[in-house]
Amino acid sequence: MKKIIGGGIFFISGISLYVNVLEPTIKLASTLDSWTTPPGRLGTSIETLGINYLMKFSYLLMALGFILIMWGLFENNLKKLSFKKNKK
């Protein structure tokens, strides 16, 4: 249960960070006069603000939270499977 709660906190923190970083990025993207095509308007505004590391950190928090939630949900099933293998 602790893993599920911790994972939920990480996941919600990652979403909150992503939304809070995305808001000023979208405001800047709407005022851009020119941008390069490969990253696009949003990617150019992220590079201009220099917040690539925050976006990556929010992705990391969401992924870590998801992994912890799944681990907490299926921990008992994994223990049962490993016990059956050791019993044979």
PDB file of N, CA and C in Angstrom:
ATOM      1  N   MET A   1       0.820  -1.189   0.000  1.00  0.00           N
ATOM      2  CA  MET A   1       0.000   0.000   0.000  1.00  0.00           C
ATOM      3  C   MET A   1       0.867   1.258   0.000  1.00  0.00           C
ATOM      4  N   LYS A   2       2.022   1.191   0.679  1.00  0.00           N
ATOM      5  CA  LYS A   2       2.910   2.354   0.729  1.00  0.00           C
ATOM      6  C   LYS A   2       3.463   2.686  -0.649  1.00  0.00           C
ATOM      7  N   LYS A   3       3.742   1.648  -1.446  1.00  0.00           N
ATOM      8  CA  LYS A   3       4.257   1.881  -2.795  1.00  0.00           C
ATOM      9  C   LYS A   3       3.206   2.553  -3.668  1.00  0.00           C
ATOM     10  N   ILE A   4       1.955   2.170  -3.501  1.00  0.00           N
ATOM     11  CA  ILE A   4       0.880   2.762  -4.297  1.00  0.00           C
ATOM     12  C   ILE A   4       0.704   4.234  -3.933  1.00  0.00           C
ATOM     13  N   ILE A   5       0.739   4.547  -2.657  1.00  0.00           N
ATOM     14  CA  ILE A   5       0.587   5.943  -2.226  1.00  0.00           C
ATOM     15  C   ILE A   5       1.781   6.774  -2.687  1.00  0.00           C
ATOM     16  N   GLY A   6       2.982   6.247  -2.501  1.00  0.00           N
ATOM     17  CA  GLY A   6       4.180   6.957  -2.958  1.00  0.00           C
ATOM     18  C   GLY A   6       4.190   7.150  -4.462  1.00  0.00           C
ATOM     19  N   GLY A   7       3.790   6.115  -5.187  1.00  0.00           N
ATOM     20  CA  GLY A   7       3.716   6.224  -6.639  1.00  0.00           C
ATOM     21  C   GLY A   7       2.689   7.243  -7.080  1.00  0.00           C
ATOM     22  N   GLY A   8       1.566   7.288  -6.384  1.00  0.00           N
ATOM     23  CA  GLY A   8       0.545   8.286  -6.703  1.00  0.00           C
ATOM     24  C   GLY A   8       1.041   9.697  -6.465  1.00  0.00           C
ATOM     25  N   ILE A   9       1.800   9.875  -5.390  1.00  0.00           N
ATOM     26  CA  ILE A   9       2.359  11.205  -5.108  1.00  0.00           C
ATOM     27  C   ILE A   9       3.364  11.601  -6.187  1.00  0.00           C
ATOM     28  N   PHE A  10       4.238  10.665  -6.581  1.00  0.00           N
ATOM     29  CA  PHE A  10       5.191  10.961  -7.652  1.00  0.00           C
ATOM     30  C   PHE A  10       4.470  11.277  -8.958  1.00  0.00           C
ATOM     31  N   PHE A  11       3.455  10.484  -9.285  1.00  0.00           N
ATOM     32  CA  PHE A  11       2.734  10.671 -10.545  1.00  0.00           C
ATOM     33  C   PHE A  11       2.021  12.021 -10.575  1.00  0.00           C
ATOM     34  N   ILE A  12       1.333  12.360  -9.498  1.00  0.00           N
ATOM     35  CA  ILE A  12       0.618  13.640  -9.440  1.00  0.00           C
ATOM     36  C   ILE A  12       1.609  14.806  -9.425  1.00  0.00           C
ATOM     37  N   SER A  13       2.744  14.640  -8.759  1.00  0.00           N
ATOM     38  CA  SER A  13       3.771  15.691  -8.764  1.00  0.00           C
ATOM     39  C   SER A  13       4.324  15.914 -10.167  1.00  0.00           C
ATOM     40  N   GLY A  14       4.528  14.831 -10.901  1.00  0.00           N
ATOM     41  CA  GLY A  14       5.009  14.949 -12.275  1.00  0.00           C
ATOM     42  C   GLY A  14       4.012  15.653 -13.170  1.00  0.00           C
ATOM     43  N   ILE A  15       2.734  15.326 -13.016  1.00  0.00           N
ATOM     44  CA  ILE A  15       1.700  15.990 -13.809  1.00  0.00           C
ATOM     45  C   ILE A  15       1.621  17.465 -13.447  1.00  0.00           C
ATOM     46  N   SER A  16       1.686  17.776 -12.168  1.00  0.00           N
ATOM     47  CA  SER A  16       1.631  19.169 -11.721  1.00  0.00           C
ATOM     48  C   SER A  16       2.818  19.969 -12.262  1.00  0.00           C
ATOM     49  N   LEU A  17       4.002  19.401 -12.201  1.00  0.00           N
ATOM     50  CA  LEU A  17       5.182  20.081 -12.731  1.00  0.00           C
ATOM     51  C   LEU A  17       5.054  20.289 -14.234  1.00  0.00           C
ATOM     52  N   TYR A  18       4.578  19.278 -14.947  1.00  0.00           N
ATOM     53  CA  TYR A  18       4.414  19.380 -16.398  1.00  0.00           C
ATOM     54  C   TYR A  18       3.441  20.496 -16.767  1.00  0.00           C
ATOM     55  N   VAL A  19       2.316  20.566 -16.078  1.00  0.00           N
ATOM     56  CA  VAL A  19       1.315  21.597 -16.376  1.00  0.00           C
ATOM     57  C   VAL A  19       1.856  22.980 -16.038  1.00  0.00           C
ATOM     58  N   ASN A  20       2.539  23.110 -14.911  1.00  0.00           N
ATOM     59  CA  ASN A  20       3.077  24.411 -14.517  1.00  0.00           C
ATOM     60  C   ASN A  20       4.210  24.871 -15.425  1.00  0.00           C
ATOM     61  N   VAL A  21       4.934  23.954 -16.027  1.00  0.00           N
ATOM     62  CA  VAL A  21       5.975  24.316 -16.984  1.00  0.00           C
ATOM     63  C   VAL A  21       5.354  24.618 -18.346  1.00  0.00           C
ATOM     64  N   LEU A  22       4.310  23.914 -18.687  1.00  0.00           N
ATOM     65  CA  LEU A  22       3.694  24.074 -20.001  1.00  0.00           C
ATOM     66  C   LEU A  22       2.943  25.394 -20.140  1.00  0.00           C
ATOM     67  N   GLU A  23       2.413  25.920 -19.048  1.00  0.00           N
ATOM     68  CA  GLU A  23       1.629  27.159 -19.115  1.00  0.00           C
ATOM     69  C   GLU A  23       2.439  28.345 -19.646  1.00  0.00           C
ATOM     70  N   PRO A  24       3.617  28.679 -19.076  1.00  0.00           N
ATOM     71  CA  PRO A  24       4.369  29.802 -19.655  1.00  0.00           C
ATOM     72  C   PRO A  24       4.917  29.493 -21.048  1.00  0.00           C
ATOM     73  N   THR A  25       5.150  28.212 -21.322  1.00  0.00           N
ATOM     74  CA  THR A  25       5.628  27.830 -22.640  1.00  0.00           C
ATOM     75  C   THR A  25       4.579  28.130 -23.701  1.00  0.00           C
ATOM     76  N   ILE A  26       3.334  27.824 -23.407  1.00  0.00           N
ATOM     77  CA  ILE A  26       2.255  28.085 -24.359  1.00  0.00           C
ATOM     78  C   ILE A  26       2.048  29.585 -24.537  1.00  0.00           C
ATOM     79  N   LYS A  27       2.180  30.344 -23.451  1.00  0.00           N
ATOM     80  CA  LYS A  27       2.048  31.798 -23.567  1.00  0.00           C
ATOM     81  C   LYS A  27       3.129  32.372 -24.472  1.00  0.00           C
ATOM     82  N   LEU A  28       4.365  31.882 -24.340  1.00  0.00           N
ATOM     83  CA  LEU A  28       5.443  32.351 -25.201  1.00  0.00           C
ATOM     84  C   LEU A  28       5.247  31.873 -26.634  1.00  0.00           C
ATOM     85  N   ALA A  29       4.773  30.644 -26.803  1.00  0.00           N
ATOM     86  CA  ALA A  29       4.583  30.102 -28.151  1.00  0.00           C
ATOM     87  C   ALA A  29       3.554  30.901 -28.935  1.00  0.00           C
ATOM     88  N   SER A  30       2.579  31.466 -28.257  1.00  0.00           N
ATOM     89  CA  SER A  30       1.559  32.238 -28.972  1.00  0.00           C
ATOM     90  C   SER A  30       2.087  33.588 -29.446  1.00  0.00           C
ATOM     91  N   THR A  31       3.196  34.051 -28.873  1.00  0.00           N
ATOM     92  CA  THR A  31       3.751  35.348 -29.276  1.00  0.00           C
ATOM     93  C   THR A  31       4.982  35.223 -30.162  1.00  0.00           C
ATOM     94  N   LEU A  32       5.407  34.018 -30.498  1.00  0.00           N
ATOM     95  CA  LEU A  32       6.602  33.849 -31.326  1.00  0.00           C
ATOM     96  C   LEU A  32       6.348  34.354 -32.738  1.00  0.00           C
ATOM     97  N   ASP A  33       7.329  35.079 -33.272  1.00  0.00           N
ATOM     98  CA  ASP A  33       7.219  35.550 -34.650  1.00  0.00           C
ATOM     99  C   ASP A  33       7.754  34.521 -35.630  1.00  0.00           C
ATOM    100  N   SER A  34       8.840  33.853 -35.263  1.00  0.00           N
ATOM    101  CA  SER A  34       9.419  32.850 -36.158  1.00  0.00           C
ATOM    102  C   SER A  34       9.912  31.667 -35.329  1.00  0.00           C
ATOM    103  N   TRP A  35       9.915  30.506 -35.947  1.00  0.00           N
ATOM    104  CA  TRP A  35      10.387  29.298 -35.286  1.00  0.00           C
ATOM    105  C   TRP A  35      10.886  28.342 -36.347  1.00  0.00           C
ATOM    106  N   THR A  36      11.696  27.412 -35.927  1.00  0.00           N
ATOM    107  CA  THR A  36      12.207  26.422 -36.865  1.00  0.00           C
ATOM    108  C   THR A  36      11.244  25.252 -36.924  1.00  0.00           C
ATOM    109  N   THR A  37      11.208  24.610 -38.059  1.00  0.00           N
ATOM    110  CA  THR A  37      10.207  23.575 -38.293  1.00  0.00           C
ATOM    111  C   THR A  37      10.414  22.300 -37.471  1.00  0.00           C
ATOM    112  N   PRO A  38      11.621  21.716 -37.360  1.00  0.00           N
ATOM    113  CA  PRO A  38      11.708  20.445 -36.643  1.00  0.00           C
ATOM    114  C   PRO A  38      11.198  20.458 -35.205  1.00  0.00           C
ATOM    115  N   PRO A  39      11.595  21.395 -34.333  1.00  0.00           N
ATOM    116  CA  PRO A  39      10.984  21.336 -33.003  1.00  0.00           C
ATOM    117  C   PRO A  39       9.601  21.960 -32.969  1.00  0.00           C
ATOM    118  N   GLY A  40       9.286  22.810 -33.928  1.00  0.00           N
ATOM    119  CA  GLY A  40       7.968  23.438 -33.953  1.00  0.00           C
ATOM    120  C   GLY A  40       7.873  24.618 -33.005  1.00  0.00           C
ATOM    121  N   ARG A  41       6.691  25.152 -32.917  1.00  0.00           N
ATOM    122  CA  ARG A  41       6.466  26.350 -32.103  1.00  0.00           C
ATOM    123  C   ARG A  41       6.651  26.054 -30.614  1.00  0.00           C
ATOM    124  N   LEU A  42       6.088  24.957 -30.141  1.00  0.00           N
ATOM    125  CA  LEU A  42       6.204  24.613 -28.720  1.00  0.00           C
ATOM    126  C   LEU A  42       7.640  24.254 -28.351  1.00  0.00           C
ATOM    127  N   GLY A  43       8.304  23.474 -29.206  1.00  0.00           N
ATOM    128  CA  GLY A  43       9.694  23.101 -28.937  1.00  0.00           C
ATOM    129  C   GLY A  43      10.629  24.292 -28.929  1.00  0.00           C
ATOM    130  N   THR A  44      10.380  25.234 -29.825  1.00  0.00           N
ATOM    131  CA  THR A  44      11.196  26.446 -29.857  1.00  0.00           C
ATOM    132  C   THR A  44      11.000  27.274 -28.599  1.00  0.00           C
ATOM    133  N   SER A  45       9.782  27.367 -28.117  1.00  0.00           N
ATOM    134  CA  SER A  45       9.546  28.136 -26.892  1.00  0.00           C
ATOM    135  C   SER A  45      10.140  27.434 -25.668  1.00  0.00           C
ATOM    136  N   ILE A  46      10.151  26.110 -25.658  1.00  0.00           N
ATOM    137  CA  ILE A  46      10.800  25.373 -24.563  1.00  0.00           C
ATOM    138  C   ILE A  46      12.299  25.637 -24.575  1.00  0.00           C
ATOM    139  N   GLU A  47      12.905  25.634 -25.771  1.00  0.00           N
ATOM    140  CA  GLU A  47      14.337  25.922 -25.876  1.00  0.00           C
ATOM    141  C   GLU A  47      14.642  27.363 -25.488  1.00  0.00           C
ATOM    142  N   THR A  48      13.764  28.294 -25.862  1.00  0.00           N
ATOM    143  CA  THR A  48      13.978  29.700 -25.535  1.00  0.00           C
ATOM    144  C   THR A  48      13.941  29.925 -24.029  1.00  0.00           C
ATOM    145  N   LEU A  49      12.998  29.293 -23.359  1.00  0.00           N
ATOM    146  CA  LEU A  49      12.889  29.442 -21.907  1.00  0.00           C
ATOM    147  C   LEU A  49      13.947  28.633 -21.160  1.00  0.00           C
ATOM    148  N   GLY A  50      14.527  27.631 -21.823  1.00  0.00           N
ATOM    149  CA  GLY A  50      15.560  26.808 -21.191  1.00  0.00           C
ATOM    150  C   GLY A  50      15.019  25.883 -20.124  1.00  0.00           C
ATOM    151  N   ILE A  51      13.880  25.281 -20.367  1.00  0.00           N
ATOM    152  CA  ILE A  51      13.253  24.423 -19.354  1.00  0.00           C
ATOM    153  C   ILE A  51      13.181  22.969 -19.796  1.00  0.00           C
ATOM    154  N   ASN A  52      14.121  22.562 -20.654  1.00  0.00           N
ATOM    155  CA  ASN A  52      14.148  21.168 -21.099  1.00  0.00           C
ATOM    156  C   ASN A  52      14.306  20.209 -19.927  1.00  0.00           C
ATOM    157  N   TYR A  53      15.163  20.573 -18.980  1.00  0.00           N
ATOM    158  CA  TYR A  53      15.421  19.682 -17.843  1.00  0.00           C
ATOM    159  C   TYR A  53      14.179  19.517 -16.966  1.00  0.00           C
ATOM    160  N   LEU A  54      13.363  20.572 -16.851  1.00  0.00           N
ATOM    161  CA  LEU A  54      12.135  20.445 -16.056  1.00  0.00           C
ATOM    162  C   LEU A  54      11.124  19.527 -16.732  1.00  0.00           C
ATOM    163  N   MET A  55      11.039  19.613 -18.057  1.00  0.00           N
ATOM    164  CA  MET A  55      10.133  18.720 -18.781  1.00  0.00           C
ATOM    165  C   MET A  55      10.583  17.268 -18.617  1.00  0.00           C
ATOM    166  N   LYS A  56      11.886  17.039 -18.755  1.00  0.00           N
ATOM    167  CA  LYS A  56      12.401  15.674 -18.605  1.00  0.00           C
ATOM    168  C   LYS A  56      12.221  15.168 -17.176  1.00  0.00           C
ATOM    169  N   PHE A  57      12.400  16.052 -16.193  1.00  0.00           N
ATOM    170  CA  PHE A  57      12.205  15.661 -14.801  1.00  0.00           C
ATOM    171  C   PHE A  57      10.741  15.317 -14.531  1.00  0.00           C
ATOM    172  N   SER A  58       9.815  16.050 -15.149  1.00  0.00           N
ATOM    173  CA  SER A  58       8.396  15.728 -14.961  1.00  0.00           C
ATOM    174  C   SER A  58       8.066  14.379 -15.593  1.00  0.00           C
ATOM    175  N   TYR A  59       8.672  14.077 -16.757  1.00  0.00           N
ATOM    176  CA  TYR A  59       8.475  12.759 -17.365  1.00  0.00           C
ATOM    177  C   TYR A  59       9.022  11.661 -16.460  1.00  0.00           C
ATOM    178  N   LEU A  60      10.177  11.921 -15.858  1.00  0.00           N
ATOM    179  CA  LEU A  60      10.784  10.945 -14.951  1.00  0.00           C
ATOM    180  C   LEU A  60       9.901  10.696 -13.733  1.00  0.00           C
ATOM    181  N   LEU A  61       9.358  11.760 -13.153  1.00  0.00           N
ATOM    182  CA  LEU A  61       8.469  11.601 -11.995  1.00  0.00           C
ATOM    183  C   LEU A  61       7.222  10.799 -12.353  1.00  0.00           C
ATOM    184  N   MET A  62       6.635  11.091 -13.518  1.00  0.00           N
ATOM    185  CA  MET A  62       5.436  10.356 -13.924  1.00  0.00           C
ATOM    186  C   MET A  62       5.748   8.883 -14.171  1.00  0.00           C
ATOM    187  N   ALA A  63       6.882   8.601 -14.824  1.00  0.00           N
ATOM    188  CA  ALA A  63       7.255   7.211 -15.086  1.00  0.00           C
ATOM    189  C   ALA A  63       7.549   6.464 -13.785  1.00  0.00           C
ATOM    190  N   LEU A  64       8.281   7.100 -12.887  1.00  0.00           N
ATOM    191  CA  LEU A  64       8.595   6.476 -11.598  1.00  0.00           C
ATOM    192  C   LEU A  64       7.328   6.218 -10.793  1.00  0.00           C
ATOM    193  N   GLY A  65       6.417   7.171 -10.800  1.00  0.00           N
ATOM    194  CA  GLY A  65       5.150   6.991 -10.103  1.00  0.00           C
ATOM    195  C   GLY A  65       4.342   5.847 -10.675  1.00  0.00           C
ATOM    196  N   PHE A  66       4.300   5.754 -12.006  1.00  0.00           N
ATOM    197  CA  PHE A  66       3.558   4.665 -12.651  1.00  0.00           C
ATOM    198  C   PHE A  66       4.173   3.311 -12.309  1.00  0.00           C
ATOM    199  N   ILE A  67       5.494   3.235 -12.331  1.00  0.00           N
ATOM    200  CA  ILE A  67       6.168   1.974 -12.005  1.00  0.00           C
ATOM    201  C   ILE A  67       5.895   1.573 -10.558  1.00  0.00           C
ATOM    202  N   LEU A  68       5.961   2.527  -9.637  1.00  0.00           N
ATOM    203  CA  LEU A  68       5.687   2.210  -8.229  1.00  0.00           C
ATOM    204  C   LEU A  68       4.242   1.765  -8.019  1.00  0.00           C
ATOM    205  N   ILE A  69       3.311   2.402  -8.702  1.00  0.00           N
ATOM    206  CA  ILE A  69       1.905   2.001  -8.579  1.00  0.00           C
ATOM    207  C   ILE A  69       1.719   0.574  -9.076  1.00  0.00           C
ATOM    208  N   MET A  70       2.286   0.256 -10.234  1.00  0.00           N
ATOM    209  CA  MET A  70       2.147  -1.096 -10.781  1.00  0.00           C
ATOM    210  C   MET A  70       2.836  -2.125  -9.890  1.00  0.00           C
ATOM    211  N   TRP A  71       3.989  -1.770  -9.351  1.00  0.00           N
ATOM    212  CA  TRP A  71       4.707  -2.675  -8.456  1.00  0.00           C
ATOM    213  C   TRP A  71       3.880  -2.938  -7.204  1.00  0.00           C
ATOM    214  N   GLY A  72       3.286  -1.909  -6.643  1.00  0.00           N
ATOM    215  CA  GLY A  72       2.455  -2.080  -5.453  1.00  0.00           C
ATOM    216  C   GLY A  72       1.200  -2.893  -5.722  1.00  0.00           C
ATOM    217  N   LEU A  73       0.630  -2.723  -6.912  1.00  0.00           N
ATOM    218  CA  LEU A  73      -0.591  -3.460  -7.236  1.00  0.00           C
ATOM    219  C   LEU A  73      -0.331  -4.948  -7.451  1.00  0.00           C
ATOM    220  N   PHE A  74       0.784  -5.274  -8.097  1.00  0.00           N
ATOM    221  CA  PHE A  74       1.027  -6.661  -8.475  1.00  0.00           C
ATOM    222  C   PHE A  74       2.099  -7.346  -7.634  1.00  0.00           C
ATOM    223  N   GLU A  75       2.465  -6.761  -6.506  1.00  0.00           N
ATOM    224  CA  GLU A  75       3.519  -7.332  -5.673  1.00  0.00           C
ATOM    225  C   GLU A  75       3.123  -8.705  -5.122  1.00  0.00           C
ATOM    226  N   ASN A  76       1.906  -8.844  -4.654  1.00  0.00           N
ATOM    227  CA  ASN A  76       1.467 -10.130  -4.092  1.00  0.00           C
ATOM    228  C   ASN A  76       1.435 -11.217  -5.155  1.00  0.00           C
ATOM    229  N   ASN A  77       1.008 -10.870  -6.365  1.00  0.00           N
ATOM    230  CA  ASN A  77       0.979 -11.860  -7.441  1.00  0.00           C
ATOM    231  C   ASN A  77       2.385 -12.313  -7.807  1.00  0.00           C
ATOM    232  N   LEU A  78       3.335 -11.399  -7.810  1.00  0.00           N
ATOM    233  CA  LEU A  78       4.711 -11.763  -8.128  1.00  0.00           C
ATOM    234  C   LEU A  78       5.308 -12.656  -7.050  1.00  0.00           C
ATOM    235  N   LYS A  79       4.979 -12.400  -5.792  1.00  0.00           N
ATOM    236  CA  LYS A  79       5.480 -13.246  -4.707  1.00  0.00           C
ATOM    237  C   LYS A  79       4.906 -14.656  -4.817  1.00  0.00           C
ATOM    238  N   LYS A  80       3.625 -14.767  -5.182  1.00  0.00           N
ATOM    239  CA  LYS A  80       3.011 -16.083  -5.342  1.00  0.00           C
ATOM    240  C   LYS A  80       3.659 -16.846  -6.483  1.00  0.00           C
ATOM    241  N   LEU A  81       3.952 -16.163  -7.586  1.00  0.00           N
ATOM    242  CA  LEU A  81       4.589 -16.824  -8.718  1.00  0.00           C
ATOM    243  C   LEU A  81       5.989 -17.305  -8.364  1.00  0.00           C
ATOM    244  N   SER A  82       6.753 -16.507  -7.664  1.00  0.00           N
ATOM    245  CA  SER A  82       8.111 -16.917  -7.304  1.00  0.00           C
ATOM    246  C   SER A  82       8.079 -18.055  -6.283  1.00  0.00           C
ATOM    247  N   PHE A  83       7.081 -18.084  -5.394  1.00  0.00           N
ATOM    248  CA  PHE A  83       6.963 -19.164  -4.420  1.00  0.00           C
ATOM    249  C   PHE A  83       6.640 -20.475  -5.124  1.00  0.00           C
ATOM    250  N   LYS A  84       5.772 -20.434  -6.134  1.00  0.00           N
ATOM    251  CA  LYS A  84       5.428 -21.650  -6.873  1.00  0.00           C
ATOM    252  C   LYS A  84       6.632 -22.192  -7.625  1.00  0.00           C
ATOM    253  N   LYS A  85       7.467 -21.319  -8.170  1.00  0.00           N
ATOM    254  CA  LYS A  85       8.654 -21.775  -8.886  1.00  0.00           C
ATOM    255  C   LYS A  85       9.643 -22.428  -7.930  1.00  0.00           C
ATOM    256  N   ASN A  86       9.803 -21.865  -6.745  1.00  0.00           N
ATOM    257  CA  ASN A  86      10.734 -22.425  -5.766  1.00  0.00           C
ATOM    258  C   ASN A  86      10.217 -23.737  -5.192  1.00  0.00           C
ATOM    259  N   LYS A  87       8.902 -23.911  -5.142  1.00  0.00           N
ATOM    260  CA  LYS A  87       8.305 -25.116  -4.572  1.00  0.00           C
ATOM    261  C   LYS A  87       8.530 -26.320  -5.474  1.00  0.00           C
ATOM    262  N   LYS A  88       8.536 -26.103  -6.778  1.00  0.00           N
ATOM    263  CA  LYS A  88       8.716 -27.222  -7.720  1.00  0.00           C
ATOM    264  C   LYS A  88      10.114 -27.655  -7.708  1.00  0.00           C
TER     265      LYS A  88
END
